[in-house]
């Protein structure tokens, strides 16, 4: 019996040794590379960073624009328009004027919002020109029969200037109240990163500053989600998600360059990429020598008139 017991003990130890060494039972697998973290940041400091951005009350700047039509994304395809230049004027809370032109095509679009009403003049292509107007507070949806992209409708017609003002000048955290709550937690996400002209999968760690609001029925809905990247110096703001009052996701904004290379915070990013899923477009805006809080702006800068006698499309008059 003693000899048998020793024999079984020897076999068990041998089996454990094989498992621990793993020479024949394990294999090498590829995993996303976990990016190292920068020092922790207190939740109150993250809130303070958003409050600090409110110092920017107005911006006047030249911009470089890249527009992508996502209306046919259900088939996995999109349409990227040539890069265009523009002139942008912003003033809180929702005043905006954006003029877009291309060197070869001339004026593409002109749009404005005075905080209450918006107008969009579409100049390109010539056979789809229109002067579109509507109300900031309303959401306009195409009838079900017109949901698919039509060849005779310009993609620029889906642009709404007031949808750009919030991503370009992020709003403050709403004041604390029984109907507003916010929290900060840490999350990780696998992302594709371009290194040496080829993609690499990495795992980034974020602080997510999540703001929720309670409606009249007592239900809580998300309103804002601010993403701070812990893998970059200074833990900068890199994403803002905006939700409608019913909790539907309306806008996804990605930011680049909200800090210097050394991690010092900046009041404006270098670029903003705005994705509007409902309207089916993405717009990348790159600031060029922006002027923050200019001393004066023309009184009519946020007013757009139909000087070219374009076909008027009044969204409020449509059935």
C-alpha atoms as a PDB file:
ATOM      1  CA  UNK A   1       0.000   0.000   0.000  1.00  0.00           C
ATOM      2  CA  UNK A   2       2.762   2.423   0.816  1.00  0.00           C
ATOM      3  CA  UNK A   3       4.466   1.688  -2.491  1.00  0.00           C
ATOM      4  CA  UNK A   4       1.195   2.309  -4.373  1.00  0.00           C
ATOM      5  CA  UNK A   5       0.584   5.566  -2.516  1.00  0.00           C
ATOM      6  CA  UNK A   6       4.066   6.806  -3.378  1.00  0.00           C
ATOM      7  CA  UNK A   7       3.464   5.841  -7.002  1.00  0.00           C
ATOM      8  CA  UNK A   8       0.222   7.864  -7.214  1.00  0.00           C
ATOM      9  CA  UNK A   9       1.825  10.846  -5.518  1.00  0.00           C
ATOM     10  CA  UNK A  10       4.617  10.704  -8.084  1.00  0.00           C
ATOM     11  CA  UNK A  11       2.104  10.658 -10.960  1.00  0.00           C
ATOM     12  CA  UNK A  12       0.136  13.593  -9.498  1.00  0.00           C
ATOM     13  CA  UNK A  13       3.302  15.680  -9.066  1.00  0.00           C
ATOM     14  CA  UNK A  14       4.367  14.818 -12.602  1.00  0.00           C
ATOM     15  CA  UNK A  15       0.959  15.870 -13.961  1.00  0.00           C
ATOM     16  CA  UNK A  16       1.069  19.174 -12.060  1.00  0.00           C
ATOM     17  CA  UNK A  17       4.533  19.823 -13.377  1.00  0.00           C
ATOM     18  CA  UNK A  18       3.326  19.365 -16.928  1.00  0.00           C
ATOM     19  CA  UNK A  19       0.431  21.795 -16.333  1.00  0.00           C
ATOM     20  CA  UNK A  20       2.676  24.416 -14.752  1.00  0.00           C
ATOM     21  CA  UNK A  21       5.335  24.205 -17.404  1.00  0.00           C
ATOM     22  CA  UNK A  22       2.633  24.268 -20.080  1.00  0.00           C
ATOM     23  CA  UNK A  23       4.971  23.162 -22.785  1.00  0.00           C
ATOM     24  CA  UNK A  24       2.404  20.927 -24.477  1.00  0.00           C
ATOM     25  CA  UNK A  25      -0.941  22.232 -23.109  1.00  0.00           C
ATOM     26  CA  UNK A  26      -0.767  25.966 -23.855  1.00  0.00           C
ATOM     27  CA  UNK A  27      -0.214  28.036 -26.964  1.00  0.00           C
ATOM     28  CA  UNK A  28       0.709  31.627 -27.669  1.00  0.00           C
ATOM     29  CA  UNK A  29      -2.244  33.910 -28.547  1.00  0.00           C
ATOM     30  CA  UNK A  30      -2.408  37.520 -29.706  1.00  0.00           C
ATOM     31  CA  UNK A  31      -4.153  39.998 -27.427  1.00  0.00           C
ATOM     32  CA  UNK A  32      -4.761  43.746 -27.667  1.00  0.00           C
ATOM     33  CA  UNK A  33      -1.807  45.581 -26.155  1.00  0.00           C
ATOM     34  CA  UNK A  34      -2.777  47.141 -22.827  1.00  0.00           C
ATOM     35  CA  UNK A  35      -1.623  50.755 -22.884  1.00  0.00           C
ATOM     36  CA  UNK A  36      -0.023  52.086 -19.663  1.00  0.00           C
ATOM     37  CA  UNK A  37      -1.948  54.539 -17.513  1.00  0.00           C
ATOM     38  CA  UNK A  38      -1.132  58.062 -16.447  1.00  0.00           C
ATOM     39  CA  UNK A  39      -1.670  59.214 -12.833  1.00  0.00           C
ATOM     40  CA  UNK A  40      -5.249  59.109 -11.510  1.00  0.00           C
ATOM     41  CA  UNK A  41      -7.466  62.200 -11.705  1.00  0.00           C
ATOM     42  CA  UNK A  42     -10.141  62.999  -9.100  1.00  0.00           C
ATOM     43  CA  UNK A  43     -13.767  63.142 -10.250  1.00  0.00           C
ATOM     44  CA  UNK A  44     -14.082  66.763  -9.104  1.00  0.00           C
ATOM     45  CA  UNK A  45     -11.127  67.722 -11.306  1.00  0.00           C
ATOM     46  CA  UNK A  46     -12.768  66.148 -14.352  1.00  0.00           C
ATOM     47  CA  UNK A  47     -15.911  68.172 -13.689  1.00  0.00           C
ATOM     48  CA  UNK A  48     -13.740  71.252 -13.235  1.00  0.00           C
ATOM     49  CA  UNK A  49     -12.129  70.715 -16.633  1.00  0.00           C
ATOM     50  CA  UNK A  50     -15.524  70.851 -18.331  1.00  0.00           C
ATOM     51  CA  UNK A  51     -16.349  73.977 -16.348  1.00  0.00           C
ATOM     52  CA  UNK A  52     -13.049  75.526 -17.470  1.00  0.00           C
ATOM     53  CA  UNK A  53     -14.025  75.071 -21.120  1.00  0.00           C
ATOM     54  CA  UNK A  54     -16.892  77.501 -20.546  1.00  0.00           C
ATOM     55  CA  UNK A  55     -14.343  80.309 -20.683  1.00  0.00           C
ATOM     56  CA  UNK A  56     -14.712  79.996 -24.449  1.00  0.00           C
ATOM     57  CA  UNK A  57     -17.847  82.014 -25.110  1.00  0.00           C
ATOM     58  CA  UNK A  58     -17.202  82.681 -28.804  1.00  0.00           C
ATOM     59  CA  UNK A  59     -14.841  81.522 -31.570  1.00  0.00           C
ATOM     60  CA  UNK A  60     -14.034  82.901 -34.995  1.00  0.00           C
ATOM     61  CA  UNK A  61     -11.793  80.747 -37.155  1.00  0.00           C
ATOM     62  CA  UNK A  62     -10.970  79.281 -40.515  1.00  0.00           C
ATOM     63  CA  UNK A  63     -11.589  75.542 -40.675  1.00  0.00           C
ATOM     64  CA  UNK A  64     -10.767  72.540 -42.812  1.00  0.00           C
ATOM     65  CA  UNK A  65     -13.714  70.188 -43.275  1.00  0.00           C
ATOM     66  CA  UNK A  66     -14.144  66.540 -44.242  1.00  0.00           C
ATOM     67  CA  UNK A  67     -17.723  65.388 -44.856  1.00  0.00           C
ATOM     68  CA  UNK A  68     -18.732  61.697 -45.044  1.00  0.00           C
ATOM     69  CA  UNK A  69     -22.187  60.549 -46.095  1.00  0.00           C
ATOM     70  CA  UNK A  70     -23.281  57.573 -43.938  1.00  0.00           C
ATOM     71  CA  UNK A  71     -26.841  57.282 -45.257  1.00  0.00           C
ATOM     72  CA  UNK A  72     -26.073  53.949 -46.929  1.00  0.00           C
ATOM     73  CA  UNK A  73     -24.056  52.537 -44.023  1.00  0.00           C
ATOM     74  CA  UNK A  74     -26.387  49.538 -43.626  1.00  0.00           C
ATOM     75  CA  UNK A  75     -24.601  48.108 -46.677  1.00  0.00           C
ATOM     76  CA  UNK A  76     -21.208  48.906 -45.177  1.00  0.00           C
ATOM     77  CA  UNK A  77     -20.432  51.723 -47.602  1.00  0.00           C
ATOM     78  CA  UNK A  78     -20.228  55.494 -47.369  1.00  0.00           C
ATOM     79  CA  UNK A  79     -19.335  58.462 -49.519  1.00  0.00           C
ATOM     80  CA  UNK A  80     -16.414  60.740 -48.590  1.00  0.00           C
ATOM     81  CA  UNK A  81     -16.528  64.212 -50.092  1.00  0.00           C
ATOM     82  CA  UNK A  82     -13.358  66.101 -51.013  1.00  0.00           C
ATOM     83  CA  UNK A  83     -11.821  68.136 -48.234  1.00  0.00           C
ATOM     84  CA  UNK A  84     -13.219  71.669 -48.125  1.00  0.00           C
ATOM     85  CA  UNK A  85     -12.348  74.923 -46.415  1.00  0.00           C
ATOM     86  CA  UNK A  86     -14.696  77.070 -44.416  1.00  0.00           C
ATOM     87  CA  UNK A  87     -15.277  80.072 -42.196  1.00  0.00           C
ATOM     88  CA  UNK A  88     -16.785  79.341 -38.783  1.00  0.00           C
ATOM     89  CA  UNK A  89     -18.227  81.652 -36.123  1.00  0.00           C
ATOM     90  CA  UNK A  90     -19.582  80.291 -32.832  1.00  0.00           C
ATOM     91  CA  UNK A  91     -21.180  81.888 -29.797  1.00  0.00           C
ATOM     92  CA  UNK A  92     -22.764  80.168 -26.839  1.00  0.00           C
ATOM     93  CA  UNK A  93     -25.235  78.645 -26.410  1.00  0.00           C
ATOM     94  CA  UNK A  94     -26.282  77.726 -29.980  1.00  0.00           C
ATOM     95  CA  UNK A  95     -25.298  80.566 -32.289  1.00  0.00           C
ATOM     96  CA  UNK A  96     -23.329  79.386 -35.312  1.00  0.00           C
ATOM     97  CA  UNK A  97     -22.445  80.390 -38.864  1.00  0.00           C
ATOM     98  CA  UNK A  98     -20.552  78.056 -41.178  1.00  0.00           C
ATOM     99  CA  UNK A  99     -19.640  78.792 -44.785  1.00  0.00           C
ATOM    100  CA  UNK A 100     -18.221  75.897 -46.808  1.00  0.00           C
ATOM    101  CA  UNK A 101     -16.409  76.078 -50.123  1.00  0.00           C
ATOM    102  CA  UNK A 102     -14.081  73.974 -52.267  1.00  0.00           C
ATOM    103  CA  UNK A 103     -11.316  75.327 -54.462  1.00  0.00           C
ATOM    104  CA  UNK A 104     -12.629  73.626 -57.615  1.00  0.00           C
ATOM    105  CA  UNK A 105     -16.359  73.681 -56.922  1.00  0.00           C
ATOM    106  CA  UNK A 106     -16.819  77.072 -55.298  1.00  0.00           C
ATOM    107  CA  UNK A 107     -19.411  77.560 -52.542  1.00  0.00           C
ATOM    108  CA  UNK A 108     -20.891  74.285 -51.287  1.00  0.00           C
ATOM    109  CA  UNK A 109     -23.123  75.392 -48.427  1.00  0.00           C
ATOM    110  CA  UNK A 110     -23.860  78.217 -46.006  1.00  0.00           C
ATOM    111  CA  UNK A 111     -25.655  77.636 -42.730  1.00  0.00           C
ATOM    112  CA  UNK A 112     -26.631  79.610 -39.646  1.00  0.00           C
ATOM    113  CA  UNK A 113     -28.528  79.356 -36.387  1.00  0.00           C
ATOM    114  CA  UNK A 114     -29.587  82.226 -34.128  1.00  0.00           C
ATOM    115  CA  UNK A 115     -30.311  79.917 -31.222  1.00  0.00           C
ATOM    116  CA  UNK A 116     -33.991  79.526 -32.141  1.00  0.00           C
ATOM    117  CA  UNK A 117     -34.194  79.013 -35.913  1.00  0.00           C
ATOM    118  CA  UNK A 118     -31.752  77.534 -38.419  1.00  0.00           C
ATOM    119  CA  UNK A 119     -31.229  78.003 -42.133  1.00  0.00           C
ATOM    120  CA  UNK A 120     -29.131  75.964 -44.567  1.00  0.00           C
ATOM    121  CA  UNK A 121     -28.368  77.117 -48.101  1.00  0.00           C
ATOM    122  CA  UNK A 122     -27.224  74.212 -50.297  1.00  0.00           C
ATOM    123  CA  UNK A 123     -25.326  75.308 -53.422  1.00  0.00           C
ATOM    124  CA  UNK A 124     -23.801  72.029 -54.598  1.00  0.00           C
ATOM    125  CA  UNK A 125     -24.626  70.207 -56.742  1.00  0.00           C
ATOM    126  CA  UNK A 126     -26.384  72.830 -58.859  1.00  0.00           C
ATOM    127  CA  UNK A 127     -29.423  70.658 -59.617  1.00  0.00           C
ATOM    128  CA  UNK A 128     -30.064  70.080 -55.893  1.00  0.00           C
ATOM    129  CA  UNK A 129     -29.820  73.619 -54.590  1.00  0.00           C
ATOM    130  CA  UNK A 130     -32.193  74.555 -51.781  1.00  0.00           C
ATOM    131  CA  UNK A 131     -32.762  77.047 -48.973  1.00  0.00           C
ATOM    132  CA  UNK A 132     -33.846  75.005 -45.936  1.00  0.00           C
ATOM    133  CA  UNK A 133     -35.204  76.483 -42.714  1.00  0.00           C
ATOM    134  CA  UNK A 134     -36.637  75.085 -39.502  1.00  0.00           C
ATOM    135  CA  UNK A 135     -36.708  75.278 -35.711  1.00  0.00           C
ATOM    136  CA  UNK A 136     -33.857  74.270 -33.416  1.00  0.00           C
ATOM    137  CA  UNK A 137     -36.199  72.665 -30.899  1.00  0.00           C
ATOM    138  CA  UNK A 138     -37.775  70.259 -33.393  1.00  0.00           C
ATOM    139  CA  UNK A 139     -36.561  66.962 -34.772  1.00  0.00           C
ATOM    140  CA  UNK A 140     -37.352  66.428 -38.430  1.00  0.00           C
ATOM    141  CA  UNK A 141     -37.510  62.905 -39.806  1.00  0.00           C
ATOM    142  CA  UNK A 142     -38.079  61.710 -43.338  1.00  0.00           C
ATOM    143  CA  UNK A 143     -41.204  59.621 -44.018  1.00  0.00           C
ATOM    144  CA  UNK A 144     -40.568  55.878 -43.964  1.00  0.00           C
ATOM    145  CA  UNK A 145     -40.732  55.708 -47.746  1.00  0.00           C
ATOM    146  CA  UNK A 146     -37.904  58.261 -48.002  1.00  0.00           C
ATOM    147  CA  UNK A 147     -35.506  56.808 -45.432  1.00  0.00           C
ATOM    148  CA  UNK A 148     -33.199  55.384 -48.103  1.00  0.00           C
ATOM    149  CA  UNK A 149     -30.767  57.850 -49.648  1.00  0.00           C
ATOM    150  CA  UNK A 150     -32.219  59.318 -52.813  1.00  0.00           C
ATOM    151  CA  UNK A 151     -29.930  60.349 -55.666  1.00  0.00           C
ATOM    152  CA  UNK A 152     -31.738  63.684 -56.061  1.00  0.00           C
ATOM    153  CA  UNK A 153     -31.165  64.802 -52.446  1.00  0.00           C
ATOM    154  CA  UNK A 154     -27.867  66.443 -51.513  1.00  0.00           C
ATOM    155  CA  UNK A 155     -26.160  65.020 -48.441  1.00  0.00           C
ATOM    156  CA  UNK A 156     -25.511  68.582 -47.268  1.00  0.00           C
ATOM    157  CA  UNK A 157     -29.268  69.005 -46.842  1.00  0.00           C
ATOM    158  CA  UNK A 158     -29.083  66.825 -43.712  1.00  0.00           C
ATOM    159  CA  UNK A 159     -26.696  69.212 -41.954  1.00  0.00           C
ATOM    160  CA  UNK A 160     -28.215  71.157 -39.067  1.00  0.00           C
ATOM    161  CA  UNK A 161     -26.015  73.978 -37.755  1.00  0.00           C
ATOM    162  CA  UNK A 162     -27.285  73.700 -34.179  1.00  0.00           C
ATOM    163  CA  UNK A 163     -26.120  70.064 -34.121  1.00  0.00           C
ATOM    164  CA  UNK A 164     -22.552  71.306 -34.559  1.00  0.00           C
ATOM    165  CA  UNK A 165     -22.522  73.996 -31.869  1.00  0.00           C
ATOM    166  CA  UNK A 166     -22.684  71.616 -28.873  1.00  0.00           C
ATOM    167  CA  UNK A 167     -19.800  69.352 -30.011  1.00  0.00           C
ATOM    168  CA  UNK A 168     -17.640  72.331 -30.996  1.00  0.00           C
ATOM    169  CA  UNK A 169     -18.285  74.111 -27.668  1.00  0.00           C
ATOM    170  CA  UNK A 170     -19.000  71.328 -25.125  1.00  0.00           C
ATOM    171  CA  UNK A 171     -21.704  72.271 -22.602  1.00  0.00           C
ATOM    172  CA  UNK A 172     -21.143  72.485 -18.844  1.00  0.00           C
ATOM    173  CA  UNK A 173     -22.208  69.763 -16.435  1.00  0.00           C
ATOM    174  CA  UNK A 174     -25.811  70.636 -15.453  1.00  0.00           C
ATOM    175  CA  UNK A 175     -26.143  72.010 -11.896  1.00  0.00           C
ATOM    176  CA  UNK A 176     -26.841  69.443  -9.185  1.00  0.00           C
ATOM    177  CA  UNK A 177     -30.530  68.908  -8.507  1.00  0.00           C
ATOM    178  CA  UNK A 178     -32.898  66.071  -7.533  1.00  0.00           C
ATOM    179  CA  UNK A 179     -33.423  65.447 -11.254  1.00  0.00           C
ATOM    180  CA  UNK A 180     -29.747  65.505 -12.279  1.00  0.00           C
ATOM    181  CA  UNK A 181     -27.109  62.983 -11.279  1.00  0.00           C
ATOM    182  CA  UNK A 182     -23.559  62.420 -12.435  1.00  0.00           C
ATOM    183  CA  UNK A 183     -20.960  59.804 -11.689  1.00  0.00           C
ATOM    184  CA  UNK A 184     -17.438  58.884 -12.772  1.00  0.00           C
ATOM    185  CA  UNK A 185     -16.248  55.355 -13.379  1.00  0.00           C
ATOM    186  CA  UNK A 186     -13.403  53.651 -15.209  1.00  0.00           C
ATOM    187  CA  UNK A 187     -13.889  51.579 -18.338  1.00  0.00           C
ATOM    188  CA  UNK A 188     -11.725  49.892 -20.954  1.00  0.00           C
ATOM    189  CA  UNK A 189     -12.207  49.558 -24.681  1.00  0.00           C
ATOM    190  CA  UNK A 190     -10.327  47.717 -27.437  1.00  0.00           C
ATOM    191  CA  UNK A 191      -9.466  50.024 -30.344  1.00  0.00           C
ATOM    192  CA  UNK A 192      -7.528  49.892 -33.583  1.00  0.00           C
ATOM    193  CA  UNK A 193      -4.400  52.057 -33.575  1.00  0.00           C
ATOM    194  CA  UNK A 194      -2.345  52.867 -36.675  1.00  0.00           C
ATOM    195  CA  UNK A 195       1.365  52.231 -36.097  1.00  0.00           C
ATOM    196  CA  UNK A 196       3.917  52.280 -38.913  1.00  0.00           C
ATOM    197  CA  UNK A 197       1.133  52.387 -41.509  1.00  0.00           C
ATOM    198  CA  UNK A 198      -0.541  49.246 -40.198  1.00  0.00           C
ATOM    199  CA  UNK A 199      -3.296  48.759 -37.606  1.00  0.00           C
ATOM    200  CA  UNK A 200      -2.646  47.389 -34.141  1.00  0.00           C
ATOM    201  CA  UNK A 201      -5.256  46.480 -31.545  1.00  0.00           C
ATOM    202  CA  UNK A 202      -4.778  48.169 -28.179  1.00  0.00           C
ATOM    203  CA  UNK A 203      -6.770  48.444 -24.970  1.00  0.00           C
ATOM    204  CA  UNK A 204      -7.377  51.988 -23.726  1.00  0.00           C
ATOM    205  CA  UNK A 205      -8.594  52.943 -20.276  1.00  0.00           C
ATOM    206  CA  UNK A 206     -11.042  55.821 -19.855  1.00  0.00           C
ATOM    207  CA  UNK A 207     -12.707  57.834 -17.154  1.00  0.00           C
ATOM    208  CA  UNK A 208     -16.371  58.098 -18.124  1.00  0.00           C
ATOM    209  CA  UNK A 209     -18.178  61.107 -16.651  1.00  0.00           C
ATOM    210  CA  UNK A 210     -21.811  60.118 -17.014  1.00  0.00           C
ATOM    211  CA  UNK A 211     -24.677  62.612 -16.620  1.00  0.00           C
ATOM    212  CA  UNK A 212     -28.297  61.419 -16.273  1.00  0.00           C
ATOM    213  CA  UNK A 213     -31.574  63.313 -15.985  1.00  0.00           C
ATOM    214  CA  UNK A 214     -34.953  62.249 -14.578  1.00  0.00           C
ATOM    215  CA  UNK A 215     -38.018  63.008 -16.685  1.00  0.00           C
ATOM    216  CA  UNK A 216     -41.507  63.989 -15.505  1.00  0.00           C
ATOM    217  CA  UNK A 217     -42.532  60.332 -15.205  1.00  0.00           C
ATOM    218  CA  UNK A 218     -39.614  59.586 -12.880  1.00  0.00           C
ATOM    219  CA  UNK A 219     -37.545  57.648 -15.423  1.00  0.00           C
ATOM    220  CA  UNK A 220     -33.807  58.322 -15.626  1.00  0.00           C
ATOM    221  CA  UNK A 221     -32.176  58.849 -19.034  1.00  0.00           C
ATOM    222  CA  UNK A 222     -28.572  59.540 -20.082  1.00  0.00           C
ATOM    223  CA  UNK A 223     -27.909  63.103 -21.299  1.00  0.00           C
ATOM    224  CA  UNK A 224     -24.118  63.377 -21.641  1.00  0.00           C
ATOM    225  CA  UNK A 225     -21.118  61.062 -21.469  1.00  0.00           C
ATOM    226  CA  UNK A 226     -17.660  62.693 -21.341  1.00  0.00           C
ATOM    227  CA  UNK A 227     -14.729  60.367 -22.084  1.00  0.00           C
ATOM    228  CA  UNK A 228     -11.244  61.116 -20.678  1.00  0.00           C
ATOM    229  CA  UNK A 229      -8.341  59.015 -21.961  1.00  0.00           C
ATOM    230  CA  UNK A 230      -6.086  57.774 -19.123  1.00  0.00           C
ATOM    231  CA  UNK A 231      -3.497  56.498 -21.600  1.00  0.00           C
ATOM    232  CA  UNK A 232      -2.629  59.992 -22.894  1.00  0.00           C
ATOM    233  CA  UNK A 233      -0.617  62.660 -21.040  1.00  0.00           C
ATOM    234  CA  UNK A 234      -2.927  64.901 -19.051  1.00  0.00           C
ATOM    235  CA  UNK A 235      -5.908  62.499 -19.370  1.00  0.00           C
ATOM    236  CA  UNK A 236      -7.609  64.681 -22.010  1.00  0.00           C
ATOM    237  CA  UNK A 237     -11.254  64.814 -23.049  1.00  0.00           C
ATOM    238  CA  UNK A 238     -11.411  62.674 -26.209  1.00  0.00           C
ATOM    239  CA  UNK A 239     -15.125  61.973 -26.698  1.00  0.00           C
ATOM    240  CA  UNK A 240     -18.523  63.475 -25.934  1.00  0.00           C
ATOM    241  CA  UNK A 241     -21.778  61.588 -26.415  1.00  0.00           C
ATOM    242  CA  UNK A 242     -25.007  63.611 -26.382  1.00  0.00           C
ATOM    243  CA  UNK A 243     -28.416  62.028 -25.820  1.00  0.00           C
ATOM    244  CA  UNK A 244     -31.936  63.254 -26.526  1.00  0.00           C
ATOM    245  CA  UNK A 245     -34.353  63.753 -23.637  1.00  0.00           C
ATOM    246  CA  UNK A 246     -35.783  60.268 -24.240  1.00  0.00           C
ATOM    247  CA  UNK A 247     -32.312  58.709 -23.953  1.00  0.00           C
ATOM    248  CA  UNK A 248     -31.649  58.176 -27.677  1.00  0.00           C
ATOM    249  CA  UNK A 249     -28.050  58.767 -28.744  1.00  0.00           C
ATOM    250  CA  UNK A 250     -27.995  61.827 -31.023  1.00  0.00           C
ATOM    251  CA  UNK A 251     -24.356  62.913 -31.374  1.00  0.00           C
ATOM    252  CA  UNK A 252     -20.933  61.303 -31.005  1.00  0.00           C
ATOM    253  CA  UNK A 253     -18.007  63.722 -30.989  1.00  0.00           C
ATOM    254  CA  UNK A 254     -14.337  62.733 -30.979  1.00  0.00           C
ATOM    255  CA  UNK A 255     -11.678  65.305 -30.057  1.00  0.00           C
ATOM    256  CA  UNK A 256      -8.003  65.528 -30.875  1.00  0.00           C
ATOM    257  CA  UNK A 257      -5.475  67.810 -29.219  1.00  0.00           C
ATOM    258  CA  UNK A 258      -7.313  68.994 -26.098  1.00  0.00           C
ATOM    259  CA  UNK A 259      -3.909  68.949 -24.386  1.00  0.00           C
ATOM    260  CA  UNK A 260      -0.359  69.761 -25.449  1.00  0.00           C
ATOM    261  CA  UNK A 261       2.194  66.972 -25.876  1.00  0.00           C
ATOM    262  CA  UNK A 262       3.207  67.578 -22.272  1.00  0.00           C
ATOM    263  CA  UNK A 263      -0.361  67.181 -21.029  1.00  0.00           C
ATOM    264  CA  UNK A 264      -1.219  70.852 -20.430  1.00  0.00           C
ATOM    265  CA  UNK A 265      -4.993  71.414 -20.931  1.00  0.00           C
ATOM    266  CA  UNK A 266      -6.168  73.642 -23.802  1.00  0.00           C
ATOM    267  CA  UNK A 267      -9.442  75.527 -24.234  1.00  0.00           C
ATOM    268  CA  UNK A 268      -9.948  74.295 -27.804  1.00  0.00           C
ATOM    269  CA  UNK A 269      -8.974  71.011 -29.451  1.00  0.00           C
ATOM    270  CA  UNK A 270      -7.125  70.825 -32.740  1.00  0.00           C
ATOM    271  CA  UNK A 271      -9.983  68.975 -34.416  1.00  0.00           C
ATOM    272  CA  UNK A 272     -13.464  67.603 -33.762  1.00  0.00           C
ATOM    273  CA  UNK A 273     -15.174  64.724 -35.563  1.00  0.00           C
ATOM    274  CA  UNK A 274     -18.974  64.878 -35.296  1.00  0.00           C
ATOM    275  CA  UNK A 275     -21.133  61.832 -36.079  1.00  0.00           C
ATOM    276  CA  UNK A 276     -24.909  62.199 -36.377  1.00  0.00           C
ATOM    277  CA  UNK A 277     -26.378  58.672 -36.742  1.00  0.00           C
ATOM    278  CA  UNK A 278     -29.974  59.822 -37.331  1.00  0.00           C
ATOM    279  CA  UNK A 279     -29.047  62.168 -40.177  1.00  0.00           C
ATOM    280  CA  UNK A 280     -26.444  59.800 -41.593  1.00  0.00           C
ATOM    281  CA  UNK A 281     -23.339  61.957 -41.793  1.00  0.00           C
ATOM    282  CA  UNK A 282     -20.002  62.621 -40.123  1.00  0.00           C
ATOM    283  CA  UNK A 283     -18.143  65.922 -40.260  1.00  0.00           C
ATOM    284  CA  UNK A 284     -14.514  66.435 -39.257  1.00  0.00           C
ATOM    285  CA  UNK A 285     -13.677  70.041 -38.355  1.00  0.00           C
ATOM    286  CA  UNK A 286     -10.049  71.144 -38.016  1.00  0.00           C
ATOM    287  CA  UNK A 287      -9.487  74.572 -36.458  1.00  0.00           C
ATOM    288  CA  UNK A 288      -6.962  76.852 -38.156  1.00  0.00           C
ATOM    289  CA  UNK A 289      -5.619  79.771 -36.072  1.00  0.00           C
ATOM    290  CA  UNK A 290      -8.814  80.185 -34.021  1.00  0.00           C
ATOM    291  CA  UNK A 291      -9.617  83.486 -32.327  1.00  0.00           C
ATOM    292  CA  UNK A 292     -11.140  82.846 -28.900  1.00  0.00           C
ATOM    293  CA  UNK A 293     -13.665  85.382 -27.555  1.00  0.00           C
ATOM    294  CA  UNK A 294     -13.232  87.992 -30.320  1.00  0.00           C
ATOM    295  CA  UNK A 295     -14.000  91.505 -29.049  1.00  0.00           C
ATOM    296  CA  UNK A 296     -16.872  92.015 -31.497  1.00  0.00           C
ATOM    297  CA  UNK A 297     -18.928  90.139 -34.064  1.00  0.00           C
ATOM    298  CA  UNK A 298     -21.157  91.589 -36.810  1.00  0.00           C
ATOM    299  CA  UNK A 299     -24.808  91.826 -35.763  1.00  0.00           C
ATOM    300  CA  UNK A 300     -25.991  89.881 -38.800  1.00  0.00           C
ATOM    301  CA  UNK A 301     -23.346  87.146 -38.731  1.00  0.00           C
ATOM    302  CA  UNK A 302     -25.872  84.569 -37.486  1.00  0.00           C
ATOM    303  CA  UNK A 303     -28.542  85.572 -40.024  1.00  0.00           C
ATOM    304  CA  UNK A 304     -28.677  83.915 -43.435  1.00  0.00           C
ATOM    305  CA  UNK A 305     -30.763  85.378 -46.268  1.00  0.00           C
ATOM    306  CA  UNK A 306     -31.798  83.761 -49.540  1.00  0.00           C
ATOM    307  CA  UNK A 307     -29.818  86.114 -51.802  1.00  0.00           C
ATOM    308  CA  UNK A 308     -29.646  83.589 -54.661  1.00  0.00           C
ATOM    309  CA  UNK A 309     -33.408  82.947 -54.745  1.00  0.00           C
ATOM    310  CA  UNK A 310     -32.972  79.252 -54.087  1.00  0.00           C
ATOM    311  CA  UNK A 311     -35.930  76.913 -53.778  1.00  0.00           C
ATOM    312  CA  UNK A 312     -37.277  77.346 -50.236  1.00  0.00           C
ATOM    313  CA  UNK A 313     -37.886  74.230 -48.137  1.00  0.00           C
ATOM    314  CA  UNK A 314     -39.782  75.183 -44.961  1.00  0.00           C
ATOM    315  CA  UNK A 315     -39.595  72.129 -42.720  1.00  0.00           C
ATOM    316  CA  UNK A 316     -42.239  73.498 -40.353  1.00  0.00           C
ATOM    317  CA  UNK A 317     -44.718  73.831 -43.226  1.00  0.00           C
ATOM    318  CA  UNK A 318     -44.367  70.236 -44.341  1.00  0.00           C
ATOM    319  CA  UNK A 319     -47.084  67.730 -43.300  1.00  0.00           C
END
